[in-house]
C-alpha cells in the first residue's frame, strides 16, 4: 500500500516499530474459558452458560487455529444447543 501511495510511508514505519506478542490461546488455559464464555454470552440467550464438562473439554483442545477456531466452535455449540441451553437460573 505504501508503494501504491494508498498508505503513508511515515505512518507505516511508526506502526511497524510497535510489536505486541501474545502466546497462542492453547498456552493460556484460563483465557480459553474467558474467551469461550464471552463468545457464548454474546451469542446465547441471557443467562446462557457453557456446561462445566464442555468447558473442561475446551481447555484440553490444542486450538491450532487459535481464537477464530474457538469462536467458531462456541458459535456452533450455542446454535445447536437451542432449547437445551443451560441458564444461570437453573
N, C-alpha and C. Protein backbone atom coordinates (compact mmCIF):
# COMPACT_ATOMS: atom_id res chain seq x y z
N UNK A 1 0.82 -1.19 0.00
CA UNK A 1 0.00 0.00 0.00
C UNK A 1 0.87 1.25 0.00
N UNK A 2 2.03 1.18 0.66
CA UNK A 2 2.94 2.32 0.64
C UNK A 2 3.41 2.55 -0.79
N UNK A 3 3.77 1.47 -1.48
CA UNK A 3 4.23 1.57 -2.87
C UNK A 3 3.14 2.11 -3.78
N UNK A 4 1.89 1.77 -3.51
CA UNK A 4 0.77 2.26 -4.32
C UNK A 4 0.38 3.69 -3.98
N UNK A 5 0.92 4.20 -2.86
CA UNK A 5 0.57 5.55 -2.44
C UNK A 5 -0.74 5.64 -1.68
N UNK A 6 -1.27 4.48 -1.25
CA UNK A 6 -2.54 4.48 -0.51
C UNK A 6 -2.34 4.43 1.00
N UNK A 7 -1.08 4.35 1.44
CA UNK A 7 -0.78 4.34 2.87
C UNK A 7 0.47 5.17 3.09
N UNK A 8 0.42 6.06 4.07
CA UNK A 8 1.54 6.96 4.32
C UNK A 8 2.78 6.20 4.79
N UNK A 9 3.91 6.48 4.16
CA UNK A 9 5.17 5.82 4.48
C UNK A 9 5.58 6.08 5.93
N UNK A 10 5.47 7.32 6.41
CA UNK A 10 5.89 7.62 7.78
C UNK A 10 5.02 6.89 8.80
N UNK A 11 3.73 6.77 8.53
CA UNK A 11 2.84 6.06 9.44
C UNK A 11 3.16 4.56 9.45
N UNK A 12 3.45 4.01 8.28
CA UNK A 12 3.82 2.59 8.20
C UNK A 12 5.03 2.30 9.07
N UNK A 13 6.05 3.13 9.02
CA UNK A 13 7.25 2.88 9.80
C UNK A 13 7.01 3.09 11.29
N UNK A 14 6.15 4.02 11.65
CA UNK A 14 5.81 4.18 13.07
C UNK A 14 5.08 2.95 13.60
N UNK A 15 4.13 2.46 12.83
CA UNK A 15 3.36 1.28 13.26
C UNK A 15 4.21 0.02 13.28
N UNK A 16 5.14 -0.10 12.37
CA UNK A 16 5.94 -1.31 12.30
C UNK A 16 6.91 -1.43 13.47
N UNK A 17 7.11 -0.36 14.24
CA UNK A 17 8.00 -0.41 15.38
C UNK A 17 7.30 -0.90 16.64
N UNK A 18 5.98 -0.96 16.61
CA UNK A 18 5.22 -1.42 17.76
C UNK A 18 4.89 -2.90 17.56
N UNK A 19 5.50 -3.75 18.35
CA UNK A 19 5.25 -5.19 18.25
C UNK A 19 4.57 -5.67 19.52
N UNK A 20 3.50 -6.39 19.37
CA UNK A 20 2.82 -6.99 20.51
C UNK A 20 2.81 -8.49 20.27
N UNK A 21 3.37 -9.22 21.21
CA UNK A 21 3.40 -10.68 21.08
C UNK A 21 2.56 -11.29 22.19
N UNK A 22 1.66 -12.13 21.80
CA UNK A 22 0.87 -12.89 22.76
C UNK A 22 1.07 -14.37 22.49
N UNK A 23 1.23 -15.16 23.53
CA UNK A 23 1.33 -16.61 23.30
C UNK A 23 0.01 -17.12 22.74
N UNK A 24 0.04 -18.22 22.02
CA UNK A 24 -1.21 -18.77 21.48
C UNK A 24 -2.19 -19.12 22.59
N UNK A 25 -3.46 -19.08 22.28
CA UNK A 25 -4.50 -19.36 23.26
C UNK A 25 -4.30 -20.73 23.90
N UNK A 26 -3.83 -21.70 23.14
CA UNK A 26 -3.66 -23.05 23.69
C UNK A 26 -2.67 -23.08 24.84
N UNK A 27 -1.83 -22.05 24.97
CA UNK A 27 -0.87 -21.99 26.07
C UNK A 27 -1.36 -21.10 27.20
N UNK A 28 -2.58 -20.59 27.07
CA UNK A 28 -3.15 -19.72 28.10
C UNK A 28 -4.48 -20.31 28.55
N UNK A 29 -4.42 -21.42 29.28
CA UNK A 29 -5.57 -22.23 29.66
C UNK A 29 -6.79 -21.46 30.13
N UNK A 30 -6.64 -20.58 31.11
CA UNK A 30 -7.80 -19.85 31.62
C UNK A 30 -8.36 -18.88 30.59
N UNK A 31 -7.51 -18.38 29.71
CA UNK A 31 -8.00 -17.47 28.67
C UNK A 31 -8.97 -18.17 27.72
N UNK A 32 -8.77 -19.46 27.51
CA UNK A 32 -9.69 -20.21 26.66
C UNK A 32 -11.10 -20.11 27.22
N UNK A 33 -11.22 -20.31 28.53
CA UNK A 33 -12.55 -20.26 29.16
C UNK A 33 -13.11 -18.84 29.17
N UNK A 34 -12.27 -17.86 29.42
CA UNK A 34 -12.74 -16.47 29.41
C UNK A 34 -13.28 -16.11 28.04
N UNK A 35 -12.54 -16.46 27.00
CA UNK A 35 -12.99 -16.17 25.64
C UNK A 35 -14.24 -16.96 25.28
N UNK A 36 -14.25 -18.23 25.62
CA UNK A 36 -15.41 -19.07 25.29
C UNK A 36 -16.67 -18.54 25.96
N UNK A 37 -16.56 -18.17 27.22
CA UNK A 37 -17.73 -17.63 27.94
C UNK A 37 -18.20 -16.32 27.33
N UNK A 38 -17.25 -15.50 26.92
CA UNK A 38 -17.61 -14.22 26.30
C UNK A 38 -18.32 -14.44 24.97
N UNK A 39 -17.79 -15.35 24.15
CA UNK A 39 -18.43 -15.64 22.86
C UNK A 39 -19.82 -16.21 23.07
N UNK A 40 -19.96 -17.12 24.05
CA UNK A 40 -21.26 -17.75 24.33
C UNK A 40 -22.26 -16.71 24.83
N UNK A 41 -21.82 -15.84 25.70
CA UNK A 41 -22.71 -14.81 26.25
C UNK A 41 -23.18 -13.86 25.15
N UNK A 42 -22.27 -13.53 24.26
CA UNK A 42 -22.59 -12.62 23.15
C UNK A 42 -23.63 -13.23 22.22
N UNK A 43 -23.53 -14.52 21.99
CA UNK A 43 -24.43 -15.18 21.04
C UNK A 43 -25.65 -15.80 21.68
N UNK A 44 -25.52 -16.30 22.90
CA UNK A 44 -26.60 -17.06 23.53
C UNK A 44 -27.68 -16.20 24.14
N UNK A 45 -28.65 -16.88 24.69
CA UNK A 45 -29.74 -16.21 25.40
C UNK A 45 -29.20 -15.61 26.69
N UNK A 46 -29.90 -14.62 27.26
CA UNK A 46 -29.45 -14.07 28.54
C UNK A 46 -29.34 -15.18 29.59
N UNK A 47 -28.25 -15.18 30.32
CA UNK A 47 -28.03 -16.19 31.34
C UNK A 47 -27.45 -17.50 30.83
N UNK A 48 -27.18 -17.58 29.52
CA UNK A 48 -26.61 -18.82 28.95
C UNK A 48 -25.25 -19.11 29.57
N UNK A 49 -25.02 -20.37 29.91
CA UNK A 49 -23.73 -20.81 30.44
C UNK A 49 -23.30 -22.08 29.72
N UNK A 50 -22.02 -22.18 29.46
CA UNK A 50 -21.49 -23.40 28.90
C UNK A 50 -21.45 -24.46 30.00
N UNK A 51 -21.82 -25.71 29.68
CA UNK A 51 -21.74 -26.77 30.69
C UNK A 51 -20.30 -26.96 31.17
N UNK A 52 -20.12 -27.26 32.43
CA UNK A 52 -18.78 -27.40 33.02
C UNK A 52 -17.96 -28.47 32.30
N UNK A 53 -18.58 -29.59 31.97
CA UNK A 53 -17.86 -30.67 31.28
C UNK A 53 -17.36 -30.19 29.92
N UNK A 54 -18.17 -29.37 29.24
CA UNK A 54 -17.76 -28.82 27.95
C UNK A 54 -16.58 -27.86 28.12
N UNK A 55 -16.62 -27.05 29.18
CA UNK A 55 -15.51 -26.14 29.44
C UNK A 55 -14.20 -26.90 29.66
N UNK A 56 -14.28 -28.01 30.37
CA UNK A 56 -13.07 -28.81 30.60
C UNK A 56 -12.54 -29.38 29.29
N UNK A 57 -13.44 -29.77 28.40
CA UNK A 57 -13.03 -30.25 27.08
C UNK A 57 -12.36 -29.14 26.30
N UNK A 58 -12.90 -27.93 26.38
CA UNK A 58 -12.30 -26.79 25.68
C UNK A 58 -10.86 -26.56 26.12
N UNK A 59 -10.60 -26.72 27.40
CA UNK A 59 -9.24 -26.48 27.93
C UNK A 59 -8.25 -27.52 27.42
N UNK A 60 -8.73 -28.72 27.10
CA UNK A 60 -7.83 -29.78 26.64
C UNK A 60 -7.53 -29.71 25.14
N UNK A 61 -8.29 -28.93 24.40
CA UNK A 61 -8.09 -28.83 22.95
C UNK A 61 -6.81 -28.06 22.62
N UNK A 62 -6.25 -28.32 21.45
CA UNK A 62 -4.99 -27.67 21.05
C UNK A 62 -5.20 -26.32 20.37
N UNK A 63 -6.36 -26.03 19.84
CA UNK A 63 -6.68 -24.75 19.21
C UNK A 63 -5.62 -24.32 18.21
N UNK A 64 -5.43 -25.16 17.20
CA UNK A 64 -4.42 -24.88 16.19
C UNK A 64 -4.69 -23.57 15.45
N UNK A 65 -5.95 -23.25 15.25
CA UNK A 65 -6.27 -22.00 14.54
C UNK A 65 -6.59 -20.88 15.53
N UNK A 66 -6.33 -21.12 16.78
CA UNK A 66 -6.38 -20.11 17.81
C UNK A 66 -7.77 -19.55 18.07
N UNK A 67 -7.90 -18.25 18.25
CA UNK A 67 -9.14 -17.63 18.69
C UNK A 67 -10.27 -17.81 17.68
N UNK A 68 -9.96 -17.74 16.41
CA UNK A 68 -11.02 -17.90 15.39
C UNK A 68 -11.65 -19.28 15.46
N UNK A 69 -10.83 -20.30 15.67
CA UNK A 69 -11.35 -21.65 15.80
C UNK A 69 -12.22 -21.78 17.04
N UNK A 70 -11.77 -21.24 18.14
CA UNK A 70 -12.53 -21.27 19.39
C UNK A 70 -13.87 -20.57 19.20
N UNK A 71 -13.87 -19.39 18.59
CA UNK A 71 -15.10 -18.64 18.37
C UNK A 71 -16.08 -19.45 17.52
N UNK A 72 -15.59 -20.11 16.49
CA UNK A 72 -16.47 -20.89 15.62
C UNK A 72 -17.06 -22.09 16.36
N UNK A 73 -16.27 -22.75 17.19
CA UNK A 73 -16.76 -23.88 17.97
C UNK A 73 -17.87 -23.42 18.92
N UNK A 74 -17.66 -22.30 19.58
CA UNK A 74 -18.67 -21.78 20.51
C UNK A 74 -19.92 -21.35 19.74
N UNK A 75 -19.74 -20.71 18.61
CA UNK A 75 -20.88 -20.29 17.78
C UNK A 75 -21.74 -21.51 17.41
N UNK A 76 -21.09 -22.56 16.94
CA UNK A 76 -21.80 -23.77 16.54
C UNK A 76 -22.47 -24.43 17.74
N UNK A 77 -21.76 -24.51 18.85
CA UNK A 77 -22.29 -25.15 20.06
C UNK A 77 -23.53 -24.43 20.56
N UNK A 78 -23.48 -23.11 20.64
CA UNK A 78 -24.61 -22.34 21.14
C UNK A 78 -25.79 -22.46 20.18
N UNK A 79 -25.51 -22.42 18.88
CA UNK A 79 -26.58 -22.54 17.88
C UNK A 79 -27.26 -23.90 17.97
N UNK A 80 -26.49 -24.96 18.17
CA UNK A 80 -27.05 -26.30 18.24
C UNK A 80 -27.71 -26.60 19.58
N UNK A 81 -27.31 -25.87 20.62
CA UNK A 81 -27.88 -26.11 21.96
C UNK A 81 -29.36 -25.79 21.98
N UNK A 82 -29.77 -24.77 21.26
CA UNK A 82 -31.18 -24.39 21.18
C UNK A 82 -31.85 -24.35 22.53
N UNK A 83 -32.92 -25.09 22.69
CA UNK A 83 -33.69 -25.09 23.94
C UNK A 83 -32.96 -25.83 25.06
N UNK A 84 -31.91 -26.57 24.73
CA UNK A 84 -31.19 -27.32 25.75
C UNK A 84 -30.10 -26.50 26.43
N UNK A 85 -30.07 -25.21 26.19
CA UNK A 85 -29.04 -24.35 26.77
C UNK A 85 -29.21 -24.24 28.27
N UNK A 86 -28.10 -24.26 28.97
CA UNK A 86 -28.12 -24.04 30.41
C UNK A 86 -28.25 -22.56 30.68
N UNK A 87 -28.98 -22.20 31.70
CA UNK A 87 -29.05 -20.81 32.10
C UNK A 87 -28.67 -20.71 33.56
N UNK A 88 -28.29 -19.53 33.95
CA UNK A 88 -27.87 -19.34 35.34
C UNK A 88 -29.03 -19.47 36.31
N UNK A 89 -30.25 -19.41 35.81
CA UNK A 89 -31.42 -19.54 36.70
C UNK A 89 -31.79 -20.99 36.93
N UNK A 90 -31.11 -21.93 36.26
CA UNK A 90 -31.38 -23.33 36.54
C UNK A 90 -31.61 -24.04 35.29
